[in-house]
Amino acid sequence: MNKEQKEELKEKLTRELEKVKTEIEELRELTKPIAPENAIGRISRMDAINNKSVNEAALRKKEERMKKLLYAQTKIDEGNFGKCLRCKNDIPFGRILLMPESTRCVNCAQ
């Protein structure tokens, strides 16, 4: 990976981190506890509880992605960044650009 590609990737990581932070904030708002005194019907309350659990799962996935993006951001200047952890070959730049948190090439990721 050349210097221009690394700069492009750093910008991409910064944008992705901001996007994920915003999504996490929105999901945290959606996963707040549902007060039992709310005047909603039994079915509506069950639906709200179901939606809350779906949003909690999405929140966990976003938080995991945030960790991976932060890790990638700390490792980007190291010499082995962009190398597959399994086969040690270069991960194609297009894959890294789409998924900056990638640590494996397409073949090893399957």
N, C-alpha and C. Protein backbone atom coordinates (compact mmCIF):
# COMPACT_ATOMS: atom_id res chain seq x y z
N MET A 1 0.86 -1.16 0.00
CA MET A 1 0.00 0.00 0.00
C MET A 1 0.91 1.23 0.00
N ASN A 2 0.65 2.13 -0.96
CA ASN A 2 1.50 3.31 -1.04
C ASN A 2 0.98 4.42 -0.12
N LYS A 3 1.72 5.53 -0.08
CA LYS A 3 1.41 6.63 0.83
C LYS A 3 0.04 7.26 0.51
N GLU A 4 -0.27 7.44 -0.77
CA GLU A 4 -1.56 8.03 -1.16
C GLU A 4 -2.72 7.14 -0.72
N GLN A 5 -2.55 5.84 -0.89
CA GLN A 5 -3.60 4.91 -0.48
C GLN A 5 -3.81 4.95 1.04
N LYS A 6 -2.70 5.06 1.78
CA LYS A 6 -2.82 5.13 3.24
C LYS A 6 -3.55 6.39 3.66
N GLU A 7 -3.26 7.51 3.00
CA GLU A 7 -3.95 8.77 3.33
C GLU A 7 -5.44 8.66 3.01
N GLU A 8 -5.74 8.06 1.87
CA GLU A 8 -7.15 7.86 1.49
C GLU A 8 -7.85 6.98 2.53
N LEU A 9 -7.15 5.95 2.97
CA LEU A 9 -7.71 5.03 3.96
C LEU A 9 -7.90 5.72 5.31
N LYS A 10 -6.97 6.56 5.70
CA LYS A 10 -7.10 7.29 6.96
C LYS A 10 -8.34 8.19 6.93
N GLU A 11 -8.55 8.87 5.81
CA GLU A 11 -9.74 9.72 5.67
C GLU A 11 -11.01 8.88 5.74
N LYS A 12 -10.99 7.74 5.06
CA LYS A 12 -12.13 6.82 5.06
C LYS A 12 -12.42 6.34 6.49
N LEU A 13 -11.37 5.99 7.23
CA LEU A 13 -11.55 5.53 8.61
C LEU A 13 -12.17 6.63 9.47
N THR A 14 -11.71 7.85 9.30
CA THR A 14 -12.24 8.96 10.07
C THR A 14 -13.72 9.16 9.77
N ARG A 15 -14.09 9.11 8.49
CA ARG A 15 -15.49 9.26 8.10
C ARG A 15 -16.34 8.11 8.67
N GLU A 16 -15.83 6.89 8.54
CA GLU A 16 -16.57 5.72 9.04
C GLU A 16 -16.76 5.79 10.55
N LEU A 17 -15.72 6.21 11.27
CA LEU A 17 -15.84 6.32 12.73
C LEU A 17 -16.90 7.33 13.12
N GLU A 18 -16.93 8.47 12.45
CA GLU A 18 -17.96 9.48 12.74
C GLU A 18 -19.36 8.94 12.45
N LYS A 19 -19.48 8.23 11.34
CA LYS A 19 -20.77 7.66 10.96
C LYS A 19 -21.24 6.63 11.99
N VAL A 20 -20.34 5.76 12.41
CA VAL A 20 -20.69 4.72 13.38
C VAL A 20 -21.02 5.34 14.74
N LYS A 21 -20.28 6.37 15.14
CA LYS A 21 -20.58 7.05 16.41
C LYS A 21 -22.00 7.61 16.40
N THR A 22 -22.38 8.24 15.30
CA THR A 22 -23.73 8.79 15.17
C THR A 22 -24.77 7.68 15.25
N GLU A 23 -24.52 6.59 14.54
CA GLU A 23 -25.47 5.47 14.56
C GLU A 23 -25.59 4.87 15.96
N ILE A 24 -24.48 4.79 16.68
CA ILE A 24 -24.51 4.25 18.05
C ILE A 24 -25.34 5.15 18.95
N GLU A 25 -25.16 6.46 18.82
CA GLU A 25 -25.95 7.40 19.63
C GLU A 25 -27.44 7.23 19.36
N GLU A 26 -27.81 7.09 18.08
CA GLU A 26 -29.21 6.91 17.73
C GLU A 26 -29.76 5.60 18.29
N LEU A 27 -28.97 4.54 18.19
CA LEU A 27 -29.42 3.24 18.71
C LEU A 27 -29.52 3.24 20.23
N ARG A 28 -28.63 3.95 20.90
CA ARG A 28 -28.72 4.03 22.36
C ARG A 28 -30.01 4.72 22.78
N GLU A 29 -30.40 5.72 22.00
CA GLU A 29 -31.67 6.41 22.27
C GLU A 29 -32.85 5.44 22.09
N LEU A 30 -32.77 4.59 21.07
CA LEU A 30 -33.86 3.65 20.79
C LEU A 30 -33.91 2.48 21.77
N THR A 31 -32.82 2.25 22.49
CA THR A 31 -32.78 1.10 23.40
C THR A 31 -33.00 1.47 24.86
N LYS A 32 -33.44 2.68 25.08
CA LYS A 32 -33.76 3.06 26.46
C LYS A 32 -34.92 2.21 26.97
N PRO A 33 -34.95 1.98 28.28
CA PRO A 33 -36.03 1.15 28.84
C PRO A 33 -37.42 1.72 28.53
N ILE A 34 -38.36 0.82 28.37
CA ILE A 34 -39.74 1.19 28.09
C ILE A 34 -40.48 1.24 29.43
N ALA A 35 -40.95 2.41 29.78
CA ALA A 35 -41.61 2.58 31.07
C ALA A 35 -42.93 1.83 31.10
N PRO A 36 -43.21 1.10 32.18
CA PRO A 36 -44.46 0.33 32.25
C PRO A 36 -45.70 1.22 32.37
N GLU A 37 -45.52 2.44 32.80
CA GLU A 37 -46.69 3.30 32.96
C GLU A 37 -47.13 3.97 31.67
N ASN A 38 -46.41 3.72 30.59
CA ASN A 38 -46.82 4.29 29.31
C ASN A 38 -48.20 3.76 28.94
N ALA A 39 -49.04 4.65 28.48
CA ALA A 39 -50.42 4.30 28.15
C ALA A 39 -50.51 3.74 26.73
N ILE A 40 -49.82 2.61 26.51
CA ILE A 40 -49.94 1.95 25.22
C ILE A 40 -50.56 0.59 25.45
N GLY A 41 -51.20 0.08 24.45
CA GLY A 41 -51.86 -1.21 24.59
C GLY A 41 -50.88 -2.35 24.80
N ARG A 42 -51.41 -3.50 25.20
CA ARG A 42 -50.57 -4.67 25.46
C ARG A 42 -49.80 -5.10 24.21
N ILE A 43 -50.47 -5.14 23.06
CA ILE A 43 -49.82 -5.53 21.80
C ILE A 43 -48.76 -4.50 21.40
N SER A 44 -49.11 -3.23 21.54
CA SER A 44 -48.16 -2.17 21.20
C SER A 44 -46.93 -2.23 22.10
N ARG A 45 -47.16 -2.53 23.37
CA ARG A 45 -46.04 -2.64 24.31
C ARG A 45 -45.15 -3.82 23.95
N MET A 46 -45.75 -4.94 23.58
CA MET A 46 -44.96 -6.10 23.16
C MET A 46 -44.16 -5.79 21.91
N ASP A 47 -44.77 -5.06 21.00
CA ASP A 47 -44.08 -4.65 19.78
C ASP A 47 -42.91 -3.73 20.10
N ALA A 48 -43.12 -2.81 21.04
CA ALA A 48 -42.06 -1.88 21.44
C ALA A 48 -40.91 -2.64 22.09
N ILE A 49 -41.23 -3.65 22.90
CA ILE A 49 -40.19 -4.46 23.54
C ILE A 49 -39.42 -5.26 22.49
N ASN A 50 -40.12 -5.80 21.50
CA ASN A 50 -39.47 -6.53 20.42
C ASN A 50 -38.54 -5.61 19.63
N ASN A 51 -39.03 -4.42 19.29
CA ASN A 51 -38.20 -3.46 18.57
C ASN A 51 -36.97 -3.08 19.38
N LYS A 52 -37.13 -2.97 20.68
CA LYS A 52 -36.00 -2.63 21.54
C LYS A 52 -34.93 -3.72 21.46
N SER A 53 -35.33 -4.99 21.48
CA SER A 53 -34.32 -6.05 21.40
C SER A 53 -33.64 -6.10 20.04
N VAL A 54 -34.36 -5.78 18.98
CA VAL A 54 -33.74 -5.71 17.65
C VAL A 54 -32.71 -4.58 17.63
N ASN A 55 -33.08 -3.44 18.20
CA ASN A 55 -32.16 -2.31 18.25
C ASN A 55 -30.96 -2.58 19.15
N GLU A 56 -31.15 -3.35 20.22
CA GLU A 56 -30.03 -3.72 21.09
C GLU A 56 -29.02 -4.59 20.34
N ALA A 57 -29.52 -5.51 19.53
CA ALA A 57 -28.62 -6.35 18.73
C ALA A 57 -27.85 -5.50 17.71
N ALA A 58 -28.54 -4.57 17.08
CA ALA A 58 -27.88 -3.67 16.13
C ALA A 58 -26.84 -2.82 16.83
N LEU A 59 -27.15 -2.38 18.05
CA LEU A 59 -26.20 -1.58 18.83
C LEU A 59 -24.94 -2.38 19.13
N ARG A 60 -25.10 -3.62 19.53
CA ARG A 60 -23.93 -4.48 19.81
C ARG A 60 -23.05 -4.63 18.58
N LYS A 61 -23.67 -4.82 17.40
CA LYS A 61 -22.91 -4.95 16.16
C LYS A 61 -22.15 -3.67 15.83
N LYS A 62 -22.80 -2.53 16.01
CA LYS A 62 -22.16 -1.24 15.73
C LYS A 62 -21.00 -0.98 16.70
N GLU A 63 -21.19 -1.34 17.97
CA GLU A 63 -20.12 -1.15 18.94
C GLU A 63 -18.93 -2.05 18.62
N GLU A 64 -19.19 -3.25 18.15
CA GLU A 64 -18.11 -4.16 17.75
C GLU A 64 -17.37 -3.59 16.54
N ARG A 65 -18.11 -3.06 15.58
CA ARG A 65 -17.48 -2.46 14.39
C ARG A 65 -16.65 -1.25 14.80
N MET A 66 -17.13 -0.47 15.75
CA MET A 66 -16.38 0.69 16.23
C MET A 66 -15.03 0.25 16.81
N LYS A 67 -15.04 -0.82 17.59
CA LYS A 67 -13.79 -1.34 18.16
C LYS A 67 -12.82 -1.74 17.05
N LYS A 68 -13.34 -2.42 16.04
CA LYS A 68 -12.48 -2.87 14.94
C LYS A 68 -11.93 -1.70 14.15
N LEU A 69 -12.75 -0.67 13.93
CA LEU A 69 -12.29 0.51 13.20
C LEU A 69 -11.22 1.26 13.99
N LEU A 70 -11.42 1.37 15.30
CA LEU A 70 -10.42 2.03 16.14
C LEU A 70 -9.11 1.25 16.15
N TYR A 71 -9.21 -0.06 16.17
CA TYR A 71 -8.02 -0.90 16.11
C TYR A 71 -7.29 -0.70 14.78
N ALA A 72 -8.05 -0.69 13.68
CA ALA A 72 -7.45 -0.47 12.36
C ALA A 72 -6.76 0.89 12.30
N GLN A 73 -7.38 1.88 12.92
CA GLN A 73 -6.80 3.23 12.92
C GLN A 73 -5.46 3.26 13.65
N THR A 74 -5.31 2.46 14.69
CA THR A 74 -4.05 2.43 15.43
C THR A 74 -2.97 1.64 14.69
N LYS A 75 -3.38 0.71 13.84
CA LYS A 75 -2.44 -0.18 13.16
C LYS A 75 -2.06 0.26 11.75
N ILE A 76 -2.71 1.29 11.22
CA ILE A 76 -2.56 1.64 9.81
C ILE A 76 -1.13 2.00 9.42
N ASP A 77 -0.36 2.54 10.35
CA ASP A 77 1.01 2.94 10.02
C ASP A 77 2.04 1.84 10.24
N GLU A 78 1.59 0.69 10.70
CA GLU A 78 2.51 -0.43 10.89
C GLU A 78 2.78 -1.12 9.55
N GLY A 79 3.92 -1.73 9.43
CA GLY A 79 4.33 -2.36 8.19
C GLY A 79 3.48 -3.53 7.74
N ASN A 80 2.88 -4.24 8.68
CA ASN A 80 2.09 -5.41 8.30
C ASN A 80 0.60 -5.10 8.12
N PHE A 81 0.22 -3.81 8.19
CA PHE A 81 -1.18 -3.46 7.96
C PHE A 81 -1.52 -3.75 6.50
N GLY A 82 -2.66 -4.35 6.27
CA GLY A 82 -3.06 -4.69 4.90
C GLY A 82 -2.61 -6.08 4.48
N LYS A 83 -2.01 -6.81 5.41
CA LYS A 83 -1.61 -8.20 5.16
C LYS A 83 -2.62 -9.12 5.85
N CYS A 84 -2.97 -10.19 5.16
CA CYS A 84 -3.89 -11.17 5.72
C CYS A 84 -3.24 -11.85 6.93
N LEU A 85 -3.99 -11.94 8.02
CA LEU A 85 -3.45 -12.58 9.23
C LEU A 85 -3.22 -14.07 9.04
N ARG A 86 -3.96 -14.67 8.12
CA ARG A 86 -3.86 -16.11 7.93
C ARG A 86 -2.79 -16.49 6.90
N CYS A 87 -2.90 -15.97 5.67
CA CYS A 87 -1.99 -16.41 4.60
C CYS A 87 -0.82 -15.45 4.38
N LYS A 88 -0.86 -14.29 5.03
CA LYS A 88 0.20 -13.27 4.96
C LYS A 88 0.31 -12.58 3.60
N ASN A 89 -0.63 -12.81 2.69
CA ASN A 89 -0.65 -12.09 1.41
C ASN A 89 -1.30 -10.73 1.60
N ASP A 90 -1.07 -9.84 0.64
CA ASP A 90 -1.69 -8.52 0.71
C ASP A 90 -3.21 -8.63 0.53
N ILE A 91 -3.93 -7.89 1.35
CA ILE A 91 -5.38 -7.78 1.17
C ILE A 91 -5.59 -6.74 0.09
N PRO A 92 -6.40 -7.01 -0.94
CA PRO A 92 -6.61 -6.02 -2.00
C PRO A 92 -7.08 -4.68 -1.42
N PHE A 93 -6.54 -3.59 -1.97
CA PHE A 93 -6.86 -2.26 -1.45
C PHE A 93 -8.36 -1.98 -1.53
N GLY A 94 -9.02 -2.46 -2.55
CA GLY A 94 -10.47 -2.26 -2.67
C GLY A 94 -11.22 -2.84 -1.50
N ARG A 95 -10.79 -4.01 -1.03
CA ARG A 95 -11.44 -4.64 0.13
C ARG A 95 -11.18 -3.81 1.39
N ILE A 96 -9.95 -3.36 1.55
CA ILE A 96 -9.62 -2.55 2.72
C ILE A 96 -10.40 -1.23 2.70
N LEU A 97 -10.56 -0.67 1.51
CA LEU A 97 -11.29 0.58 1.39
C LEU A 97 -12.77 0.40 1.73
N LEU A 98 -13.35 -0.74 1.32
CA LEU A 98 -14.75 -1.02 1.63
C LEU A 98 -14.95 -1.43 3.09
N MET A 99 -14.00 -2.19 3.59
CA MET A 99 -14.08 -2.70 4.96
C MET A 99 -12.74 -2.46 5.64
N PRO A 100 -12.49 -1.24 6.13
CA PRO A 100 -11.18 -0.93 6.72
C PRO A 100 -10.81 -1.82 7.89
N GLU A 101 -11.79 -2.45 8.50
CA GLU A 101 -11.51 -3.32 9.64
C GLU A 101 -11.08 -4.72 9.22
N SER A 102 -11.00 -4.99 7.91
CA SER A 102 -10.65 -6.32 7.40
C SER A 102 -9.24 -6.71 7.85
N THR A 103 -9.13 -7.93 8.34
CA THR A 103 -7.83 -8.46 8.73
C THR A 103 -7.48 -9.71 7.92
N ARG A 104 -8.41 -10.12 7.04
CA ARG A 104 -8.17 -11.29 6.21
C ARG A 104 -8.57 -11.01 4.78
N CYS A 105 -7.91 -11.68 3.85
CA CYS A 105 -8.27 -11.55 2.45
C CYS A 105 -9.60 -12.29 2.21
N VAL A 106 -10.15 -12.14 1.03
CA VAL A 106 -11.46 -12.74 0.75
C VAL A 106 -11.41 -14.25 0.88
N ASN A 107 -10.36 -14.86 0.36
CA ASN A 107 -10.26 -16.34 0.42
C ASN A 107 -10.20 -16.85 1.86
N CYS A 108 -9.42 -16.19 2.70
CA CYS A 108 -9.27 -16.66 4.09
C CYS A 108 -10.47 -16.28 4.94
N ALA A 109 -11.22 -15.25 4.56
CA ALA A 109 -12.37 -14.82 5.33
C ALA A 109 -13.56 -15.76 5.19
N GLN A 110 -13.57 -16.56 4.13
CA GLN A 110 -14.70 -17.47 3.88
C GLN A 110 -14.68 -18.68 4.76
